C-alpha atoms as a PDB file:
ATOM      1  CA  UNK A   1      -0.001   0.221  -0.125  1.00  0.00           C
ATOM      2  CA  UNK A   2       1.244   3.099  -1.130  1.00  0.00           C
ATOM      3  CA  UNK A   3       2.108   5.895   2.351  1.00  0.00           C
ATOM      4  CA  UNK A   4       0.038   9.027   1.363  1.00  0.00           C
ATOM      5  CA  UNK A   5       2.311  12.025   0.922  1.00  0.00           C
ATOM      6  CA  UNK A   6       2.178  15.129   3.307  1.00  0.00           C
ATOM      7  CA  UNK A   7       1.330  18.359   1.686  1.00  0.00           C
ATOM      8  CA  UNK A   8       2.001  21.608   2.902  1.00  0.00           C
ATOM      9  CA  UNK A   9      -1.668  23.415   3.553  1.00  0.00           C
ATOM     10  CA  UNK A  10      -0.694  27.302   4.019  1.00  0.00           C
ATOM     11  CA  UNK A  11      -3.111  28.954   6.074  1.00  0.00           C
ATOM     12  CA  UNK A  12      -5.812  30.702   4.136  1.00  0.00           C
ATOM     13  CA  UNK A  13      -6.532  33.304   7.294  1.00  0.00           C
ATOM     14  CA  UNK A  14      -5.820  36.474   7.223  1.00  0.00           C
ATOM     15  CA  UNK A  15      -2.738  38.029   8.286  1.00  0.00           C
ATOM     16  CA  UNK A  16      -1.344  39.310  12.088  1.00  0.00           C
ATOM     17  CA  UNK A  17      -2.920  42.665  12.340  1.00  0.00           C
ATOM     18  CA  UNK A  18      -0.675  45.045  14.782  1.00  0.00           C
ATOM     19  CA  UNK A  19      -1.222  48.047  16.567  1.00  0.00           C
ATOM     20  CA  UNK A  20       2.121  50.341  16.254  1.00  0.00           C
ATOM     21  CA  UNK A  21       3.491  53.980  17.893  1.00  0.00           C
ATOM     22  CA  UNK A  22       4.804  55.937  14.778  1.00  0.00           C
ATOM     23  CA  UNK A  23       5.929  59.344  15.048  1.00  0.00           C
ATOM     24  CA  UNK A  24       5.340  61.786  12.327  1.00  0.00           C
ATOM     25  CA  UNK A  25       7.926  64.518  11.045  1.00  0.00           C
ATOM     26  CA  UNK A  26       5.244  66.772  12.630  1.00  0.00           C
ATOM     27  CA  UNK A  27       6.223  65.424  15.763  1.00  0.00           C
ATOM     28  CA  UNK A  28       3.012  63.711  16.983  1.00  0.00           C
ATOM     29  CA  UNK A  29       2.353  60.224  17.919  1.00  0.00           C
ATOM     30  CA  UNK A  30      -0.225  58.095  15.628  1.00  0.00           C
ATOM     31  CA  UNK A  31      -1.152  54.549  16.750  1.00  0.00           C
ATOM     32  CA  UNK A  32      -1.638  52.871  13.330  1.00  0.00           C
ATOM     33  CA  UNK A  33      -2.682  49.528  12.168  1.00  0.00           C
ATOM     34  CA  UNK A  34      -0.207  47.659   9.812  1.00  0.00           C
ATOM     35  CA  UNK A  35      -1.106  44.012   9.020  1.00  0.00           C
ATOM     36  CA  UNK A  36       2.100  41.366   8.483  1.00  0.00           C
ATOM     37  CA  UNK A  37       5.455  42.108   9.951  1.00  0.00           C
ATOM     38  CA  UNK A  38       5.940  45.624  11.208  1.00  0.00           C
ATOM     39  CA  UNK A  39       9.720  45.953  10.905  1.00  0.00           C
ATOM     40  CA  UNK A  40       9.148  45.327   7.152  1.00  0.00           C
ATOM     41  CA  UNK A  41       5.584  47.738   6.314  1.00  0.00           C
ATOM     42  CA  UNK A  42       6.754  49.763   3.775  1.00  0.00           C
ATOM     43  CA  UNK A  43       3.385  51.909   4.584  1.00  0.00           C
ATOM     44  CA  UNK A  44       5.104  52.785   8.662  1.00  0.00           C
ATOM     45  CA  UNK A  45       8.077  53.783   6.570  1.00  0.00           C
ATOM     46  CA  UNK A  46       6.412  56.347   4.123  1.00  0.00           C
ATOM     47  CA  UNK A  47       3.600  57.168   7.567  1.00  0.00           C
ATOM     48  CA  UNK A  48       7.052  58.288   9.793  1.00  0.00           C
ATOM     49  CA  UNK A  49       8.577  60.807   6.500  1.00  0.00           C
ATOM     50  CA  UNK A  50       5.156  62.349   6.664  1.00  0.00           C
ATOM     51  CA  UNK A  51       3.095  65.207   9.044  1.00  0.00           C
ATOM     52  CA  UNK A  52      -0.120  63.531  10.555  1.00  0.00           C
ATOM     53  CA  UNK A  53      -3.089  63.915   8.613  1.00  0.00           C
ATOM     54  CA  UNK A  54      -4.393  66.998  10.978  1.00  0.00           C
ATOM     55  CA  UNK A  55      -1.125  68.967  10.709  1.00  0.00           C
ATOM     56  CA  UNK A  56      -1.474  68.177   6.897  1.00  0.00           C
ATOM     57  CA  UNK A  57      -4.723  69.576   6.502  1.00  0.00           C
ATOM     58  CA  UNK A  58      -4.056  72.608   8.432  1.00  0.00           C
ATOM     59  CA  UNK A  59      -1.572  73.698   6.070  1.00  0.00           C
ATOM     60  CA  UNK A  60      -3.166  72.878   3.467  1.00  0.00           C
ATOM     61  CA  UNK A  61      -6.041  75.139   4.793  1.00  0.00           C
ATOM     62  CA  UNK A  62      -3.486  78.142   5.269  1.00  0.00           C
ATOM     63  CA  UNK A  63      -1.875  77.899   2.317  1.00  0.00           C
ATOM     64  CA  UNK A  64      -5.246  78.255  -0.114  1.00  0.00           C
ATOM     65  CA  UNK A  65      -6.459  80.894   3.219  1.00  0.00           C
ATOM     66  CA  UNK A  66      -3.130  82.967   2.004  1.00  0.00           C
ATOM     67  CA  UNK A  67      -4.186  82.240  -1.910  1.00  0.00           C
ATOM     68  CA  UNK A  68      -7.804  84.232  -0.722  1.00  0.00           C
ATOM     69  CA  UNK A  69      -5.963  87.137   0.446  1.00  0.00           C
ATOM     70  CA  UNK A  70      -3.667  87.493  -2.852  1.00  0.00           C
ATOM     71  CA  UNK A  71      -6.644  87.730  -4.783  1.00  0.00           C
ATOM     72  CA  UNK A  72      -5.580  84.123  -6.022  1.00  0.00           C
ATOM     73  CA  UNK A  73      -9.030  82.148  -5.077  1.00  0.00           C
ATOM     74  CA  UNK A  74     -12.585  83.256  -4.017  1.00  0.00           C
ATOM     75  CA  UNK A  75     -13.116  82.556  -0.691  1.00  0.00           C
ATOM     76  CA  UNK A  76     -15.688  80.091  -0.164  1.00  0.00           C
ATOM     77  CA  UNK A  77     -19.260  79.819   0.913  1.00  0.00           C
ATOM     78  CA  UNK A  78     -20.320  77.291   3.641  1.00  0.00           C
ATOM     79  CA  UNK A  79     -20.322  75.793   6.953  1.00  0.00           C
ATOM     80  CA  UNK A  80     -17.138  76.156   8.766  1.00  0.00           C
ATOM     81  CA  UNK A  81     -16.414  72.568   8.851  1.00  0.00           C
ATOM     82  CA  UNK A  82     -17.632  72.756   5.282  1.00  0.00           C
ATOM     83  CA  UNK A  83     -14.761  75.120   4.313  1.00  0.00           C
ATOM     84  CA  UNK A  84     -12.155  74.054   6.446  1.00  0.00           C
ATOM     85  CA  UNK A  85     -12.602  70.735   5.311  1.00  0.00           C
ATOM     86  CA  UNK A  86     -12.737  72.441   1.199  1.00  0.00           C
ATOM     87  CA  UNK A  87      -9.830  74.507   1.406  1.00  0.00           C
ATOM     88  CA  UNK A  88      -7.340  71.703   2.043  1.00  0.00           C
ATOM     89  CA  UNK A  89      -8.796  69.799  -1.019  1.00  0.00           C
ATOM     90  CA  UNK A  90      -8.361  73.149  -2.718  1.00  0.00           C
ATOM     91  CA  UNK A  91      -5.204  73.616  -2.097  1.00  0.00           C
ATOM     92  CA  UNK A  92      -4.581  69.272  -2.917  1.00  0.00           C
ATOM     93  CA  UNK A  93      -6.187  70.554  -6.230  1.00  0.00           C
ATOM     94  CA  UNK A  94      -3.697  73.531  -6.595  1.00  0.00           C
ATOM     95  CA  UNK A  95      -0.853  71.371  -6.849  1.00  0.00           C
ATOM     96  CA  UNK A  96      -2.688  68.812  -8.712  1.00  0.00           C
ATOM     97  CA  UNK A  97      -3.651  71.437 -11.470  1.00  0.00           C
ATOM     98  CA  UNK A  98      -0.124  73.196 -11.523  1.00  0.00           C
ATOM     99  CA  UNK A  99       1.819  69.016 -12.001  1.00  0.00           C
ATOM    100  CA  UNK A 100      -0.798  68.870 -15.069  1.00  0.00           C
ATOM    101  CA  UNK A 101       0.022  72.278 -16.482  1.00  0.00           C
ATOM    102  CA  UNK A 102       4.500  71.456 -15.954  1.00  0.00           C
ATOM    103  CA  UNK A 103       3.122  67.941 -17.322  1.00  0.00           C
ATOM    104  CA  UNK A 104       1.494  70.316 -20.879  1.00  0.00           C
ATOM    105  CA  UNK A 105       4.578  72.091 -20.662  1.00  0.00           C
ATOM    106  CA  UNK A 106       6.802  68.900 -20.773  1.00  0.00           C
ATOM    107  CA  UNK A 107       4.608  67.503 -23.554  1.00  0.00           C
ATOM    108  CA  UNK A 108       4.914  69.920 -25.837  1.00  0.00           C
ATOM    109  CA  UNK A 109       8.608  71.151 -25.569  1.00  0.00           C
ATOM    110  CA  UNK A 110       9.762  67.545 -26.032  1.00  0.00           C
ATOM    111  CA  UNK A 111       7.318  67.900 -29.379  1.00  0.00           C
ATOM    112  CA  UNK A 112       8.200  70.718 -30.797  1.00  0.00           C
ATOM    113  CA  UNK A 113      11.849  69.140 -31.525  1.00  0.00           C
ATOM    114  CA  UNK A 114      10.430  66.378 -33.980  1.00  0.00           C
ATOM    115  CA  UNK A 115       7.336  67.670 -35.555  1.00  0.00           C
ATOM    116  CA  UNK A 116       6.572  70.925 -36.898  1.00  0.00           C
ATOM    117  CA  UNK A 117       3.067  71.505 -37.240  1.00  0.00           C
ATOM    118  CA  UNK A 118       3.569  71.995 -33.486  1.00  0.00           C
ATOM    119  CA  UNK A 119       4.634  76.070 -33.222  1.00  0.00           C
ATOM    120  CA  UNK A 120       5.012  78.020 -30.807  1.00  0.00           C
ATOM    121  CA  UNK A 121       2.061  80.522 -30.519  1.00  0.00           C
ATOM    122  CA  UNK A 122      -0.035  77.529 -30.963  1.00  0.00           C
ATOM    123  CA  UNK A 123       1.341  75.852 -28.300  1.00  0.00           C
ATOM    124  CA  UNK A 124       1.671  79.069 -26.312  1.00  0.00           C
ATOM    125  CA  UNK A 125      -1.683  80.243 -26.753  1.00  0.00           C
ATOM    126  CA  UNK A 126      -3.419  76.618 -25.847  1.00  0.00           C
ATOM    127  CA  UNK A 127      -1.408  77.256 -22.395  1.00  0.00           C
ATOM    128  CA  UNK A 128      -2.730  80.295 -21.626  1.00  0.00           C
ATOM    129  CA  UNK A 129      -6.150  78.600 -22.445  1.00  0.00           C
ATOM    130  CA  UNK A 130      -6.011  76.250 -20.146  1.00  0.00           C
ATOM    131  CA  UNK A 131      -4.023  78.043 -17.434  1.00  0.00           C
ATOM    132  CA  UNK A 132      -6.874  80.506 -17.648  1.00  0.00           C
ATOM    133  CA  UNK A 133     -10.253  78.230 -16.910  1.00  0.00           C
ATOM    134  CA  UNK A 134      -8.502  76.559 -13.792  1.00  0.00           C
ATOM    135  CA  UNK A 135      -7.543  80.171 -12.778  1.00  0.00           C
ATOM    136  CA  UNK A 136     -11.530  80.074 -13.157  1.00  0.00           C
ATOM    137  CA  UNK A 137     -12.647  77.561 -11.331  1.00  0.00           C
ATOM    138  CA  UNK A 138     -10.004  78.896  -8.587  1.00  0.00           C
ATOM    139  CA  UNK A 139     -12.099  82.189  -8.482  1.00  0.00           C
ATOM    140  CA  UNK A 140     -14.914  81.118  -8.015  1.00  0.00           C
ATOM    141  CA  UNK A 141     -16.572  81.329 -12.160  1.00  0.00           C
ATOM    142  CA  UNK A 142     -17.078  77.823 -12.416  1.00  0.00           C
ATOM    143  CA  UNK A 143     -20.718  76.028 -12.267  1.00  0.00           C
ATOM    144  CA  UNK A 144     -21.800  72.451 -12.488  1.00  0.00           C
ATOM    145  CA  UNK A 145     -24.701  70.614 -12.849  1.00  0.00           C
ATOM    146  CA  UNK A 146     -24.282  68.574  -9.373  1.00  0.00           C
ATOM    147  CA  UNK A 147     -26.524  65.838  -7.419  1.00  0.00           C
ATOM    148  CA  UNK A 148     -27.889  66.519  -4.286  1.00  0.00           C
ATOM    149  CA  UNK A 149     -28.804  64.283  -1.509  1.00  0.00           C
ATOM    150  CA  UNK A 150     -32.030  63.336  -3.456  1.00  0.00           C
ATOM    151  CA  UNK A 151     -30.816  62.660  -6.362  1.00  0.00           C
ATOM    152  CA  UNK A 152     -31.729  66.317  -8.119  1.00  0.00           C
ATOM    153  CA  UNK A 153     -29.382  68.530 -10.234  1.00  0.00           C
ATOM    154  CA  UNK A 154     -28.489  71.661  -8.836  1.00  0.00           C
ATOM    155  CA  UNK A 155     -26.062  74.357 -10.151  1.00  0.00           C
ATOM    156  CA  UNK A 156     -23.151  74.129  -7.414  1.00  0.00           C
ATOM    157  CA  UNK A 157     -19.947  77.290  -7.995  1.00  0.00           C
ATOM    158  CA  UNK A 158     -16.840  76.636  -7.360  1.00  0.00           C
ATOM    159  CA  UNK A 159     -16.835  79.738  -4.909  1.00  0.00           C
ATOM    160  CA  UNK A 160     -19.077  76.844  -2.438  1.00  0.00           C
ATOM    161  CA  UNK A 161     -17.124  74.486  -0.264  1.00  0.00           C
ATOM    162  CA  UNK A 162     -18.998  72.083  -0.996  1.00  0.00           C
ATOM    163  CA  UNK A 163     -18.556  72.057  -4.919  1.00  0.00           C
ATOM    164  CA  UNK A 164     -14.813  71.439  -4.063  1.00  0.00           C
ATOM    165  CA  UNK A 165     -15.883  68.951  -1.625  1.00  0.00           C
ATOM    166  CA  UNK A 166     -18.585  66.760  -3.734  1.00  0.00           C
ATOM    167  CA  UNK A 167     -15.650  66.611  -7.341  1.00  0.00           C
ATOM    168  CA  UNK A 168     -12.481  65.718  -4.796  1.00  0.00           C
ATOM    169  CA  UNK A 169     -12.144  62.149  -6.873  1.00  0.00           C
ATOM    170  CA  UNK A 170     -12.514  63.760 -10.002  1.00  0.00           C
ATOM    171  CA  UNK A 171      -8.962  63.311 -11.472  1.00  0.00           C
ATOM    172  CA  UNK A 172      -7.227  66.751 -12.906  1.00  0.00           C
ATOM    173  CA  UNK A 173      -6.939  66.437 -16.540  1.00  0.00           C
ATOM    174  CA  UNK A 174     -10.419  64.878 -16.395  1.00  0.00           C
ATOM    175  CA  UNK A 175     -11.360  68.443 -14.393  1.00  0.00           C
ATOM    176  CA  UNK A 176      -9.579  69.654 -17.074  1.00  0.00           C
ATOM    177  CA  UNK A 177     -10.765  67.741 -20.419  1.00  0.00           C
ATOM    178  CA  UNK A 178     -14.444  68.714 -19.160  1.00  0.00           C
ATOM    179  CA  UNK A 179     -13.374  72.691 -18.984  1.00  0.00           C
ATOM    180  CA  UNK A 180     -12.000  72.433 -22.754  1.00  0.00           C
ATOM    181  CA  UNK A 181     -14.209  70.082 -24.312  1.00  0.00           C
ATOM    182  CA  UNK A 182     -13.022  71.983 -27.707  1.00  0.00           C
ATOM    183  CA  UNK A 183      -9.884  71.196 -27.619  1.00  0.00           C
ATOM    184  CA  UNK A 184     -11.472  67.247 -27.015  1.00  0.00           C
ATOM    185  CA  UNK A 185      -8.673  66.352 -24.785  1.00  0.00           C
ATOM    186  CA  UNK A 186      -9.422  63.170 -22.803  1.00  0.00           C
ATOM    187  CA  UNK A 187      -7.248  61.757 -20.433  1.00  0.00           C
ATOM    188  CA  UNK A 188      -6.043  58.522 -22.508  1.00  0.00           C
ATOM    189  CA  UNK A 189      -5.349  60.908 -25.710  1.00  0.00           C
ATOM    190  CA  UNK A 190      -2.381  62.052 -24.120  1.00  0.00           C
ATOM    191  CA  UNK A 191      -1.819  66.024 -24.485  1.00  0.00           C
ATOM    192  CA  UNK A 192      -1.892  65.792 -28.934  1.00  0.00           C
ATOM    193  CA  UNK A 193      -5.045  67.559 -29.035  1.00  0.00           C
ATOM    194  CA  UNK A 194      -4.320  70.057 -26.730  1.00  0.00           C
ATOM    195  CA  UNK A 195      -1.661  71.564 -28.956  1.00  0.00           C
ATOM    196  CA  UNK A 196      -2.329  70.041 -32.218  1.00  0.00           C
ATOM    197  CA  UNK A 197      -4.836  73.216 -34.786  1.00  0.00           C
ATOM    198  CA  UNK A 198      -6.598  70.833 -35.450  1.00  0.00           C
ATOM    199  CA  UNK A 199     -10.733  69.793 -34.330  1.00  0.00           C
ATOM    200  CA  UNK A 200     -11.403  66.658 -33.930  1.00  0.00           C
ATOM    201  CA  UNK A 201     -15.456  66.405 -35.728  1.00  0.00           C
ATOM    202  CA  UNK A 202     -17.895  63.994 -33.563  1.00  0.00           C
ATOM    203  CA  UNK A 203     -19.036  61.871 -35.952  1.00  0.00           C
ATOM    204  CA  UNK A 204     -14.842  61.295 -37.427  1.00  0.00           C
ATOM    205  CA  UNK A 205     -14.448  60.213 -33.464  1.00  0.00           C
ATOM    206  CA  UNK A 206     -14.877  56.769 -34.365  1.00  0.00           C
ATOM    207  CA  UNK A 207     -13.072  57.294 -37.593  1.00  0.00           C
ATOM    208  CA  UNK A 208     -10.053  55.119 -38.184  1.00  0.00           C
ATOM    209  CA  UNK A 209      -7.160  57.106 -37.607  1.00  0.00           C
ATOM    210  CA  UNK A 210      -5.719  58.573 -41.104  1.00  0.00           C
ATOM    211  CA  UNK A 211      -2.214  57.597 -42.207  1.00  0.00           C
ATOM    212  CA  UNK A 212       0.651  59.389 -40.649  1.00  0.00           C
ATOM    213  CA  UNK A 213       2.493  61.738 -42.413  1.00  0.00           C
ATOM    214  CA  UNK A 214       5.874  62.451 -44.142  1.00  0.00           C
ATOM    215  CA  UNK A 215       8.298  62.455 -41.597  1.00  0.00           C
ATOM    216  CA  UNK A 216       9.532  65.999 -41.963  1.00  0.00           C
ATOM    217  CA  UNK A 217      12.097  67.499 -40.821  1.00  0.00           C
ATOM    218  CA  UNK A 218      11.944  68.731 -36.391  1.00  0.00           C
ATOM    219  CA  UNK A 219      11.569  72.301 -35.959  1.00  0.00           C
ATOM    220  CA  UNK A 220      14.771  74.334 -34.856  1.00  0.00           C
ATOM    221  CA  UNK A 221      13.706  75.615 -31.365  1.00  0.00           C
ATOM    222  CA  UNK A 222      16.299  77.596 -29.328  1.00  0.00           C
ATOM    223  CA  UNK A 223      16.885  75.810 -26.111  1.00  0.00           C
ATOM    224  CA  UNK A 224      16.194  78.927 -24.480  1.00  0.00           C
ATOM    225  CA  UNK A 225      13.656  80.168 -26.062  1.00  0.00           C
ATOM    226  CA  UNK A 226      11.114  80.103 -22.733  1.00  0.00           C
ATOM    227  CA  UNK A 227       7.879  78.593 -23.829  1.00  0.00           C
ATOM    228  CA  UNK A 228       6.066  80.096 -20.657  1.00  0.00           C
ATOM    229  CA  UNK A 229       6.319  80.967 -17.075  1.00  0.00           C
ATOM    230  CA  UNK A 230       5.724  77.865 -15.920  1.00  0.00           C
ATOM    231  CA  UNK A 231       6.681  78.534 -12.463  1.00  0.00           C
ATOM    232  CA  UNK A 232       4.362  81.525 -12.168  1.00  0.00           C
ATOM    233  CA  UNK A 233       1.235  79.826 -10.715  1.00  0.00           C
ATOM    234  CA  UNK A 234      -2.061  82.091 -11.439  1.00  0.00           C
ATOM    235  CA  UNK A 235      -3.462  80.163  -8.304  1.00  0.00           C
END
């Protein structure tokens, strides 16, 4: 009679949860829960390199308040709790939109070196339009139809705290694409529709792409030519 081989069966139970005290960069100590071995936790390592959530939100709120004093943003309307939350969200958004502009500038600088259909005046004009749209958003000049608790559409302006709270999960690039539909700029299409001087008709949207144009000589762009004041974010 053959012997039955012994098999090592791994436990299917959940990983051990440990509570660990972590000192943040702000000096506050928090108790965090970590699964598995705490000594090998990247989550705890990252937590030690950051300030606590309360200090982070307070710092974001102070930066947002300073921008309001400088006239770059509209004062928010809402309850005290809503305004504190929305101010933190709005400052986080400012960083995200600033990064989006920097990424667009980096893309168009590279594209101009290999494609002479993307010109400096066009790149400047399109970027200024994007900056203006985002600036209007922070100045409270944008109004969107949002859903209330009953599922009805309500017009909410970007000077309302609720506007920033309700849209906090929307990706920054999708946000800009919604404000600039004339460029047909969507997240999955990268930056090309933004910086190419050609419109996309709705009837042609699903059509197969045209054949690639003949390869042209790369456009000569002076490395000293500054496209934009990309360090001066207007919001």
